[in-house]
Structure formats: structure tokens, C-alpha cells
Amino acid sequence: MDDNIVIKLSGLTKRYGYGDTASFALKDFDLTIKRGEFVMIMGPSGCGKTTLLNIIGLLDRATDGEYILNGEDVSDISSSRQARLRAKKIGFIFQDFNLIQNLTVIENVALPLVYVNRPRTVRLKAASAALNRFHLSEREYYRPSQLSGGQQQRVAIARAIVSDPEIILADEPTGNLDSRSSSIVMDELKAIHEEGNTIIMVTHNPSLTVYATRVINMLDGQIDTDVKTVADYNLPQPISIKTKKRRGRNKISSKEISRKENF
């Protein structure tokens, strides 16, 4: 298989119920995603978008079909193996932020590193660096309830990237945000993508497709249209963690920093 293929789904089916009462969230679904793509998945409610994202994220299993992740067939792996792969390879961003209210911001961001057995000091140092990237260092010891919606989503993005995953899955990440906050969050995702990360995002907002390298429209559990806006040879390539940290410090102007810190 092509080394640039990170996800390959073949004949994927998700069925609920049996016989005459069976319904399908996904049916004979085929999809190949290459490293460095920013894929936006659109379609009406109930078309299977979130089910697809959950299966890719190893939060759910298909009823039938094959799922190859980085060359490994993960269709029928154990739950413990699923958890290890999620922790190492996949970062999640949700519409409702999914922050734990009784933990501080820095503890929320550090949480994924618990599942890969990083020492507490290492976890907090990595979480602090991720928050600094999003200009939230002064809010490390706030509770999520003390932050605006936009700030909470940026904390959620910091949590998603803290373990340096290869794939970011985002389910309506701007769905609960105003237009200004949405723009800032999408700019952050664009920056992450430009570092070579593969992003798969579900959205109902067609105006956000300008950030994508590929737009998929789903209908009734299948792909209706699939349009690439960037050729494969122009996709960004992964860069080292050290380079990512340096870019995070240097690439944003003082005006942009002020804009992010003040909302």
C-alpha cells in the first residue's frame, strides 16, 4: 500500500438492528485519505458523518468492512489496542469542547498523556507548551467555566495536539462559536494542518470549506460527491516536533497575539 495513505476504508458498513428493522448509518463505504489532507465532510443530519468519524477515531466499530490505519488492519483489534492507538495517533476536537469542569485548563490538556503513561511532570510541561502556542498560558489554572467558548475550544485543540498525533478528528468544532471565535479556531486548525497533520472535520457550514484540501458530501451513509481542491503533491509534509515549537513561537504577529488574547 502507498506509504502516504494513512486511512483506507473498504466496504465499511454500520448497521443497527436486524432483518426488516435494520437501518444503516454507513453502507459499503469506501474512502482513502492521504497524509497531509484536510478533509471536510458535509451532508444532512443523519447521513452518517459522525458515525464515520467515530469509527475512524476507534470510538466505534463497523458492523462489516475493513479499516486500515497506517498499514494496520484495525477492524477487529481489541479494545485495549484501540485505546493505545487512539492515545498515540489520533487527537479529538468536539463541538461541545468536552472539557472536564473540575480539572484546571492545564490538567485538561495534559489528560491524553495519562493514557500513554507519561510522568506527571512531563505531562504538565507538554500541556503548558501547547497552551502557550494558543496564547493561553495565563489561564493554565483557570477552570473551563471561567473561559469564553472560543477559549475553551482552543484549550480543546491544545489537548488534541499535546501528544503530537498524526491525525486530528474534529466534529463541528465551530458549531457553538460566534463568527469571530470560529475564524480564530479555523486559523489554528489551518496552522496545524500546514505542519503536515491530517485533519478530518465534520461541518454543516459550507463557508469553512475554503480551509479544506478536499470536500466530501455524504448522503444516506455513502459518498455523494468527493472533490479535491489541492493536488496530492502539494499537500504539506510532516515536520519535526522541534520545528513545530519554533514555528509556534515565531509565526504569529503581535497584532494577532493581541487579537487572540483579548477574546
C-alpha atoms as a PDB file:
ATOM      1  CA  MET A   1       0.000   0.000   0.000  1.00  0.00           C
ATOM      2  CA  ASP A   2       1.122   3.594  -0.703  1.00  0.00           C
ATOM      3  CA  ASP A   3       3.113   4.874   2.317  1.00  0.00           C
ATOM      4  CA  ASN A   4       1.275   8.193   2.075  1.00  0.00           C
ATOM      5  CA  ILE A   5      -2.089   6.548   2.767  1.00  0.00           C
ATOM      6  CA  VAL A   6      -2.973   6.905   6.438  1.00  0.00           C
ATOM      7  CA  ILE A   7      -6.584   5.676   6.298  1.00  0.00           C
ATOM      8  CA  LYS A   8      -8.206   3.179   3.955  1.00  0.00           C
ATOM      9  CA  LEU A   9     -11.828   2.114   4.434  1.00  0.00           C
ATOM     10  CA  SER A  10     -13.255  -0.645   2.248  1.00  0.00           C
ATOM     11  CA  GLY A  11     -16.868  -1.805   2.220  1.00  0.00           C
ATOM     12  CA  LEU A  12     -17.465  -0.226   5.615  1.00  0.00           C
ATOM     13  CA  THR A  13     -20.986  -0.815   6.939  1.00  0.00           C
ATOM     14  CA  LYS A  14     -22.585   0.239  10.212  1.00  0.00           C
ATOM     15  CA  ARG A  15     -25.933  -1.436  10.775  1.00  0.00           C
ATOM     16  CA  TYR A  16     -28.392  -1.033  13.614  1.00  0.00           C
ATOM     17  CA  GLY A  17     -30.985  -3.763  14.115  1.00  0.00           C
ATOM     18  CA  TYR A  18     -31.606  -6.864  12.014  1.00  0.00           C
ATOM     19  CA  GLY A  19     -33.817  -8.095   9.224  1.00  0.00           C
ATOM     20  CA  ASP A  20     -36.712  -5.892   8.223  1.00  0.00           C
ATOM     21  CA  THR A  21     -35.972  -3.472  11.075  1.00  0.00           C
ATOM     22  CA  ALA A  22     -32.325  -2.902  10.113  1.00  0.00           C
ATOM     23  CA  SER A  23     -31.133   0.628   9.407  1.00  0.00           C
ATOM     24  CA  PHE A  24     -27.738   1.705   8.083  1.00  0.00           C
ATOM     25  CA  ALA A  25     -25.625   4.650   9.195  1.00  0.00           C
ATOM     26  CA  LEU A  26     -22.957   3.610   6.670  1.00  0.00           C
ATOM     27  CA  LYS A  27     -23.345   1.170   3.779  1.00  0.00           C
ATOM     28  CA  ASP A  28     -20.496  -0.252   1.653  1.00  0.00           C
ATOM     29  CA  PHE A  29     -18.473   2.876   2.341  1.00  0.00           C
ATOM     30  CA  ASP A  30     -15.071   3.254   0.649  1.00  0.00           C
ATOM     31  CA  LEU A  31     -12.618   6.030   1.457  1.00  0.00           C
ATOM     32  CA  THR A  32      -8.860   6.577   1.197  1.00  0.00           C
ATOM     33  CA  ILE A  33      -7.168   9.502   2.948  1.00  0.00           C
ATOM     34  CA  LYS A  34      -3.575  10.509   2.375  1.00  0.00           C
ATOM     35  CA  ARG A  35      -1.142  12.062   4.809  1.00  0.00           C
ATOM     36  CA  GLY A  36      -1.490  15.851   4.960  1.00  0.00           C
ATOM     37  CA  GLU A  37      -5.047  16.096   3.673  1.00  0.00           C
ATOM     38  CA  PHE A  38      -7.553  18.459   5.280  1.00  0.00           C
ATOM     39  CA  VAL A  39     -10.820  16.671   4.569  1.00  0.00           C
ATOM     40  CA  MET A  40     -14.150  18.322   5.287  1.00  0.00           C
ATOM     41  CA  ILE A  41     -17.172  16.050   5.454  1.00  0.00           C
ATOM     42  CA  MET A  42     -20.589  17.590   4.898  1.00  0.00           C
ATOM     43  CA  GLY A  43     -24.132  16.377   4.461  1.00  0.00           C
ATOM     44  CA  PRO A  44     -27.586  16.476   6.057  1.00  0.00           C
ATOM     45  CA  SER A  45     -28.218  15.313   9.622  1.00  0.00           C
ATOM     46  CA  GLY A  46     -28.398  11.540   9.817  1.00  0.00           C
ATOM     47  CA  CYS A  47     -26.267  10.895   6.738  1.00  0.00           C
ATOM     48  CA  GLY A  48     -23.558   9.098   8.746  1.00  0.00           C
ATOM     49  CA  LYS A  49     -20.936  11.834   9.223  1.00  0.00           C
ATOM     50  CA  THR A  50     -20.443  11.444  12.966  1.00  0.00           C
ATOM     51  CA  THR A  51     -20.659   7.653  12.784  1.00  0.00           C
ATOM     52  CA  LEU A  52     -17.866   7.713  10.218  1.00  0.00           C
ATOM     53  CA  LEU A  53     -15.748   9.986  12.410  1.00  0.00           C
ATOM     54  CA  ASN A  54     -16.287   7.760  15.458  1.00  0.00           C
ATOM     55  CA  ILE A  55     -15.217   4.650  13.547  1.00  0.00           C
ATOM     56  CA  ILE A  56     -12.119   6.387  12.172  1.00  0.00           C
ATOM     57  CA  GLY A  57     -11.346   7.543  15.716  1.00  0.00           C
ATOM     58  CA  LEU A  58     -11.710   3.994  17.079  1.00  0.00           C
ATOM     59  CA  LEU A  59     -14.565   5.091  19.312  1.00  0.00           C
ATOM     60  CA  ASP A  60     -16.971   2.776  17.479  1.00  0.00           C
ATOM     61  CA  ARG A  61     -16.728  -0.338  15.315  1.00  0.00           C
ATOM     62  CA  ALA A  62     -18.170  -1.055  11.914  1.00  0.00           C
ATOM     63  CA  THR A  63     -20.546  -3.988  11.510  1.00  0.00           C
ATOM     64  CA  ASP A  64     -18.728  -5.093   8.348  1.00  0.00           C
ATOM     65  CA  GLY A  65     -15.849  -3.965   6.178  1.00  0.00           C
ATOM     66  CA  GLU A  66     -12.154  -3.237   6.532  1.00  0.00           C
ATOM     67  CA  TYR A  67     -10.347  -0.335   8.213  1.00  0.00           C
ATOM     68  CA  ILE A  68      -6.611   0.032   7.571  1.00  0.00           C
ATOM     69  CA  LEU A  69      -4.816   2.629   9.719  1.00  0.00           C
ATOM     70  CA  ASN A  70      -1.188   3.299   8.775  1.00  0.00           C
ATOM     71  CA  GLY A  71      -0.959  -0.113   7.146  1.00  0.00           C
ATOM     72  CA  GLU A  72      -2.526  -2.000  10.067  1.00  0.00           C
ATOM     73  CA  ASP A  73      -5.926  -3.665   9.878  1.00  0.00           C
ATOM     74  CA  VAL A  74      -7.721  -2.290  12.944  1.00  0.00           C
ATOM     75  CA  SER A  75     -11.187  -3.607  12.078  1.00  0.00           C
ATOM     76  CA  ASP A  76     -11.229  -6.242  14.828  1.00  0.00           C
ATOM     77  CA  ILE A  77      -8.468  -5.291  17.239  1.00  0.00           C
ATOM     78  CA  SER A  78      -9.031  -5.465  20.993  1.00  0.00           C
ATOM     79  CA  SER A  79     -10.434  -2.540  22.956  1.00  0.00           C
ATOM     80  CA  SER A  80      -7.111  -2.103  24.752  1.00  0.00           C
ATOM     81  CA  ARG A  81      -5.256  -1.934  21.433  1.00  0.00           C
ATOM     82  CA  GLN A  82      -7.827   0.588  20.191  1.00  0.00           C
ATOM     83  CA  ALA A  83      -7.199   2.755  23.256  1.00  0.00           C
ATOM     84  CA  ARG A  84      -3.421   2.699  22.730  1.00  0.00           C
ATOM     85  CA  LEU A  85      -3.743   3.663  19.076  1.00  0.00           C
ATOM     86  CA  ARG A  86      -6.160   6.489  19.913  1.00  0.00           C
ATOM     87  CA  ALA A  87      -3.779   7.856  22.509  1.00  0.00           C
ATOM     88  CA  LYS A  88      -0.765   7.811  20.192  1.00  0.00           C
ATOM     89  CA  LYS A  89      -2.131   8.581  16.749  1.00  0.00           C
ATOM     90  CA  ILE A  90      -5.440  10.470  17.000  1.00  0.00           C
ATOM     91  CA  GLY A  91      -6.470  13.795  18.533  1.00  0.00           C
ATOM     92  CA  PHE A  92     -10.138  14.710  19.011  1.00  0.00           C
ATOM     93  CA  ILE A  93     -11.943  18.064  18.930  1.00  0.00           C
ATOM     94  CA  PHE A  94     -15.659  18.142  19.739  1.00  0.00           C
ATOM     95  CA  GLN A  95     -18.425  20.693  19.256  1.00  0.00           C
ATOM     96  CA  ASP A  96     -19.172  20.799  22.995  1.00  0.00           C
ATOM     97  CA  PHE A  97     -15.459  21.036  23.944  1.00  0.00           C
ATOM     98  CA  ASN A  98     -15.742  18.008  26.302  1.00  0.00           C
ATOM     99  CA  LEU A  99     -13.546  19.625  28.945  1.00  0.00           C
ATOM    100  CA  ILE A 100     -13.710  18.239  32.481  1.00  0.00           C
ATOM    101  CA  GLN A 101     -15.100  21.022  34.614  1.00  0.00           C
ATOM    102  CA  ASN A 102     -13.440  20.046  37.905  1.00  0.00           C
ATOM    103  CA  LEU A 103      -9.969  19.991  36.336  1.00  0.00           C
ATOM    104  CA  THR A 104      -7.874  23.049  35.560  1.00  0.00           C
ATOM    105  CA  VAL A 105      -7.138  24.024  31.974  1.00  0.00           C
ATOM    106  CA  ILE A 106      -3.613  22.598  32.103  1.00  0.00           C
ATOM    107  CA  GLU A 107      -4.883  19.334  33.614  1.00  0.00           C
ATOM    108  CA  ASN A 108      -7.450  19.020  30.823  1.00  0.00           C
ATOM    109  CA  VAL A 109      -4.787  19.495  28.155  1.00  0.00           C
ATOM    110  CA  ALA A 110      -2.438  17.010  29.836  1.00  0.00           C
ATOM    111  CA  LEU A 111      -5.091  14.282  30.058  1.00  0.00           C
ATOM    112  CA  PRO A 112      -4.262  12.405  26.798  1.00  0.00           C
ATOM    113  CA  LEU A 113      -0.718  11.877  28.051  1.00  0.00           C
ATOM    114  CA  VAL A 114      -2.051   9.907  31.026  1.00  0.00           C
ATOM    115  CA  TYR A 115      -3.065   7.171  28.588  1.00  0.00           C
ATOM    116  CA  VAL A 116       0.465   6.833  27.223  1.00  0.00           C
ATOM    117  CA  ASN A 117       1.940   6.652  30.746  1.00  0.00           C
ATOM    118  CA  ARG A 118       3.896   9.901  30.679  1.00  0.00           C
ATOM    119  CA  PRO A 119       5.116  11.085  34.121  1.00  0.00           C
ATOM    120  CA  ARG A 120       3.114  13.928  35.673  1.00  0.00           C
ATOM    121  CA  THR A 121       5.928  16.477  35.289  1.00  0.00           C
ATOM    122  CA  VAL A 122       6.321  15.603  31.607  1.00  0.00           C
ATOM    123  CA  ARG A 123       2.556  15.820  31.073  1.00  0.00           C
ATOM    124  CA  LEU A 124       2.260  19.265  32.620  1.00  0.00           C
ATOM    125  CA  LYS A 125       5.304  20.599  30.760  1.00  0.00           C
ATOM    126  CA  ALA A 126       3.883  19.422  27.428  1.00  0.00           C
ATOM    127  CA  ALA A 127       0.446  20.815  28.264  1.00  0.00           C
ATOM    128  CA  SER A 128       1.934  24.181  29.209  1.00  0.00           C
ATOM    129  CA  ALA A 129       3.816  24.329  25.897  1.00  0.00           C
ATOM    130  CA  ALA A 130       0.632  23.528  23.964  1.00  0.00           C
ATOM    131  CA  LEU A 131      -1.310  26.233  25.804  1.00  0.00           C
ATOM    132  CA  ASN A 132       1.471  28.733  25.176  1.00  0.00           C
ATOM    133  CA  ARG A 133       1.103  28.086  21.456  1.00  0.00           C
ATOM    134  CA  PHE A 134      -2.513  29.267  21.688  1.00  0.00           C
ATOM    135  CA  HIS A 135      -1.659  32.210  23.974  1.00  0.00           C
ATOM    136  CA  LEU A 136      -3.475  30.719  26.958  1.00  0.00           C
ATOM    137  CA  SER A 137      -0.537  30.469  29.376  1.00  0.00           C
ATOM    138  CA  GLU A 138      -2.068  32.969  31.784  1.00  0.00           C
ATOM    139  CA  ARG A 139      -5.169  30.781  32.041  1.00  0.00           C
ATOM    140  CA  GLU A 140      -3.463  27.465  32.796  1.00  0.00           C
ATOM    141  CA  TYR A 141      -5.001  27.233  36.263  1.00  0.00           C
ATOM    142  CA  TYR A 142      -8.452  28.542  35.367  1.00  0.00           C
ATOM    143  CA  ARG A 143     -11.416  26.200  35.298  1.00  0.00           C
ATOM    144  CA  PRO A 144     -13.129  25.721  31.920  1.00  0.00           C
ATOM    145  CA  SER A 145     -16.201  27.582  33.182  1.00  0.00           C
ATOM    146  CA  GLN A 146     -14.058  30.705  33.574  1.00  0.00           C
ATOM    147  CA  LEU A 147     -13.254  30.798  29.843  1.00  0.00           C
ATOM    148  CA  SER A 148     -15.194  32.010  26.836  1.00  0.00           C
ATOM    149  CA  GLY A 149     -16.455  29.489  24.291  1.00  0.00           C
ATOM    150  CA  GLY A 150     -13.654  30.351  21.889  1.00  0.00           C
ATOM    151  CA  GLN A 151     -11.035  29.951  24.604  1.00  0.00           C
ATOM    152  CA  GLN A 152     -12.497  26.589  25.630  1.00  0.00           C
ATOM    153  CA  GLN A 153     -12.289  25.344  22.059  1.00  0.00           C
ATOM    154  CA  ARG A 154      -8.672  26.480  21.807  1.00  0.00           C
ATOM    155  CA  VAL A 155      -7.982  24.539  25.016  1.00  0.00           C
ATOM    156  CA  ALA A 156      -9.643  21.543  23.350  1.00  0.00           C
ATOM    157  CA  ILE A 157      -7.365  21.964  20.313  1.00  0.00           C
ATOM    158  CA  ALA A 158      -4.325  22.150  22.599  1.00  0.00           C
ATOM    159  CA  ARG A 159      -5.496  18.908  24.220  1.00  0.00           C
ATOM    160  CA  ALA A 160      -5.901  17.318  20.783  1.00  0.00           C
ATOM    161  CA  ILE A 161      -2.315  18.069  19.727  1.00  0.00           C
ATOM    162  CA  VAL A 162      -0.470  17.637  23.043  1.00  0.00           C
ATOM    163  CA  SER A 163       0.564  14.050  22.242  1.00  0.00           C
ATOM    164  CA  ASP A 164       1.651  15.068  18.713  1.00  0.00           C
ATOM    165  CA  PRO A 165      -0.860  12.801  16.939  1.00  0.00           C
ATOM    166  CA  GLU A 166      -0.740  12.274  13.198  1.00  0.00           C
ATOM    167  CA  ILE A 167      -4.499  12.592  12.713  1.00  0.00           C
ATOM    168  CA  ILE A 168      -6.880  15.238  14.090  1.00  0.00           C
ATOM    169  CA  LEU A 169     -10.617  14.487  14.061  1.00  0.00           C
ATOM    170  CA  ALA A 170     -12.912  17.474  14.527  1.00  0.00           C
ATOM    171  CA  ASP A 171     -16.683  17.113  14.901  1.00  0.00           C
ATOM    172  CA  GLU A 172     -18.363  20.506  14.297  1.00  0.00           C
ATOM    173  CA  PRO A 173     -15.561  22.370  16.142  1.00  0.00           C
ATOM    174  CA  THR A 174     -17.109  25.781  15.385  1.00  0.00           C
ATOM    175  CA  GLY A 175     -20.738  24.753  15.885  1.00  0.00           C
ATOM    176  CA  ASN A 176     -21.100  26.522  19.242  1.00  0.00           C
ATOM    177  CA  LEU A 177     -18.974  29.578  18.429  1.00  0.00           C
ATOM    178  CA  ASP A 178     -19.679  33.038  17.090  1.00  0.00           C
ATOM    179  CA  SER A 179     -18.145  34.046  13.754  1.00  0.00           C
ATOM    180  CA  ARG A 180     -15.104  35.774  15.270  1.00  0.00           C
ATOM    181  CA  SER A 181     -14.234  32.832  17.505  1.00  0.00           C
ATOM    182  CA  SER A 182     -14.882  30.442  14.626  1.00  0.00           C
ATOM    183  CA  SER A 183     -12.425  32.302  12.438  1.00  0.00           C
ATOM    184  CA  ILE A 184      -9.696  32.130  15.081  1.00  0.00           C
ATOM    185  CA  VAL A 185     -10.284  28.405  15.692  1.00  0.00           C
ATOM    186  CA  MET A 186     -10.158  27.666  11.955  1.00  0.00           C
ATOM    187  CA  ASP A 187      -6.943  29.674  11.622  1.00  0.00           C
ATOM    188  CA  GLU A 188      -5.459  27.477  14.357  1.00  0.00           C
ATOM    189  CA  LEU A 189      -6.550  24.311  12.564  1.00  0.00           C
ATOM    190  CA  LYS A 190      -5.100  25.632   9.323  1.00  0.00           C
ATOM    191  CA  ALA A 191      -1.754  26.228  11.055  1.00  0.00           C
ATOM    192  CA  ILE A 192      -1.797  22.685  12.454  1.00  0.00           C
ATOM    193  CA  HIS A 193      -2.568  21.316   9.006  1.00  0.00           C
ATOM    194  CA  GLU A 194       0.293  23.264   7.438  1.00  0.00           C
ATOM    195  CA  GLU A 195       2.643  21.363   9.767  1.00  0.00           C
ATOM    196  CA  GLY A 196       1.694  18.148   7.968  1.00  0.00           C
ATOM    197  CA  ASN A 197      -1.087  16.879  10.201  1.00  0.00           C
ATOM    198  CA  THR A 198      -4.000  15.058   8.587  1.00  0.00           C
ATOM    199  CA  ILE A 199      -7.307  16.649   9.600  1.00  0.00           C
ATOM    200  CA  ILE A 200     -10.769  15.196   9.092  1.00  0.00           C
ATOM    201  CA  MET A 201     -13.539  17.594  10.028  1.00  0.00           C
ATOM    202  CA  VAL A 202     -17.313  17.303  10.034  1.00  0.00           C
ATOM    203  CA  THR A 203     -19.215  20.546   9.479  1.00  0.00           C
ATOM    204  CA  HIS A 204     -22.549  21.925   8.321  1.00  0.00           C
ATOM    205  CA  ASN A 205     -21.001  25.278   7.398  1.00  0.00           C
ATOM    206  CA  PRO A 206     -20.138  25.495   3.677  1.00  0.00           C
ATOM    207  CA  SER A 207     -18.152  28.717   4.174  1.00  0.00           C
ATOM    208  CA  LEU A 208     -15.470  26.725   6.026  1.00  0.00           C
ATOM    209  CA  THR A 209     -14.616  24.612   3.008  1.00  0.00           C
ATOM    210  CA  VAL A 210     -12.081  27.262   1.942  1.00  0.00           C
ATOM    211  CA  TYR A 211      -9.750  25.728   4.557  1.00  0.00           C
ATOM    212  CA  ALA A 212     -10.026  22.210   3.117  1.00  0.00           C
ATOM    213  CA  THR A 213      -7.914  20.386   0.552  1.00  0.00           C
ATOM    214  CA  ARG A 214     -10.811  18.007  -0.082  1.00  0.00           C
ATOM    215  CA  VAL A 215     -14.575  18.262   0.417  1.00  0.00           C
ATOM    216  CA  ILE A 216     -16.779  15.177   0.730  1.00  0.00           C
ATOM    217  CA  ASN A 217     -20.565  15.373   0.726  1.00  0.00           C
ATOM    218  CA  MET A 218     -22.372  12.385   2.211  1.00  0.00           C
ATOM    219  CA  LEU A 219     -25.908  11.197   1.633  1.00  0.00           C
ATOM    220  CA  ASP A 220     -27.653   8.180   3.175  1.00  0.00           C
ATOM    221  CA  GLY A 221     -24.469   6.614   4.540  1.00  0.00           C
ATOM    222  CA  GLN A 222     -22.469   6.897   1.322  1.00  0.00           C
ATOM    223  CA  ILE A 223     -20.310   9.430  -0.509  1.00  0.00           C
ATOM    224  CA  ASP A 224     -22.370  11.633  -2.812  1.00  0.00           C
ATOM    225  CA  THR A 225     -19.563  13.903  -4.071  1.00  0.00           C
ATOM    226  CA  ASP A 226     -15.816  13.951  -3.416  1.00  0.00           C
ATOM    227  CA  VAL A 227     -13.824  16.970  -4.640  1.00  0.00           C
ATOM    228  CA  LYS A 228     -10.105  17.591  -4.125  1.00  0.00           C
ATOM    229  CA  THR A 229      -9.099  21.249  -4.198  1.00  0.00           C
ATOM    230  CA  VAL A 230      -5.362  20.628  -3.707  1.00  0.00           C
ATOM    231  CA  ALA A 231      -3.297  18.086  -5.620  1.00  0.00           C
ATOM    232  CA  ASP A 232      -1.643  15.337  -3.583  1.00  0.00           C
ATOM    233  CA  TYR A 233       1.858  16.573  -4.453  1.00  0.00           C
ATOM    234  CA  ASN A 234       1.021  19.973  -2.923  1.00  0.00           C
ATOM    235  CA  LEU A 235      -0.107  18.589   0.439  1.00  0.00           C
ATOM    236  CA  PRO A 236       2.000  19.720   3.423  1.00  0.00           C
ATOM    237  CA  GLN A 237       4.612  17.294   4.729  1.00  0.00           C
ATOM    238  CA  PRO A 238       5.083  16.450   8.417  1.00  0.00           C
ATOM    239  CA  ILE A 239       7.713  18.450  10.273  1.00  0.00           C
ATOM    240  CA  SER A 240       9.617  17.673  13.451  1.00  0.00           C
ATOM    241  CA  ILE A 241       8.275  18.483  16.908  1.00  0.00           C
ATOM    242  CA  LYS A 242      11.195  20.872  17.465  1.00  0.00           C
ATOM    243  CA  THR A 243      10.370  22.780  14.282  1.00  0.00           C
ATOM    244  CA  LYS A 244       6.695  22.905  15.284  1.00  0.00           C
ATOM    245  CA  LYS A 245       7.598  24.512  18.603  1.00  0.00           C
ATOM    246  CA  ARG A 246       9.844  27.069  16.889  1.00  0.00           C
ATOM    247  CA  ARG A 247       7.159  27.941  14.356  1.00  0.00           C
ATOM    248  CA  GLY A 248       4.614  28.248  17.123  1.00  0.00           C
ATOM    249  CA  ARG A 249       6.766  30.883  18.797  1.00  0.00           C
ATOM    250  CA  ASN A 250       7.693  32.853  15.720  1.00  0.00           C
ATOM    251  CA  LYS A 251       4.985  32.806  13.092  1.00  0.00           C
ATOM    252  CA  ILE A 252       2.236  34.887  14.726  1.00  0.00           C
ATOM    253  CA  SER A 253       2.401  38.667  14.681  1.00  0.00           C
ATOM    254  CA  SER A 254       1.988  40.830  17.780  1.00  0.00           C
ATOM    255  CA  LYS A 255      -1.316  42.082  16.379  1.00  0.00           C
ATOM    256  CA  GLU A 256      -2.570  38.505  16.006  1.00  0.00           C
ATOM    257  CA  ILE A 257      -1.431  37.618  19.542  1.00  0.00           C
ATOM    258  CA  SER A 258      -3.373  40.584  20.900  1.00  0.00           C
ATOM    259  CA  ARG A 259      -6.471  39.539  18.951  1.00  0.00           C
ATOM    260  CA  LYS A 260      -6.377  36.020  20.431  1.00  0.00           C
ATOM    261  CA  GLU A 261      -5.562  37.019  23.997  1.00  0.00           C
ATOM    262  CA  ASN A 262      -8.403  39.526  24.156  1.00  0.00           C
ATOM    263  CA  PHE A 263     -11.360  37.351  23.238  1.00  0.00           C
END
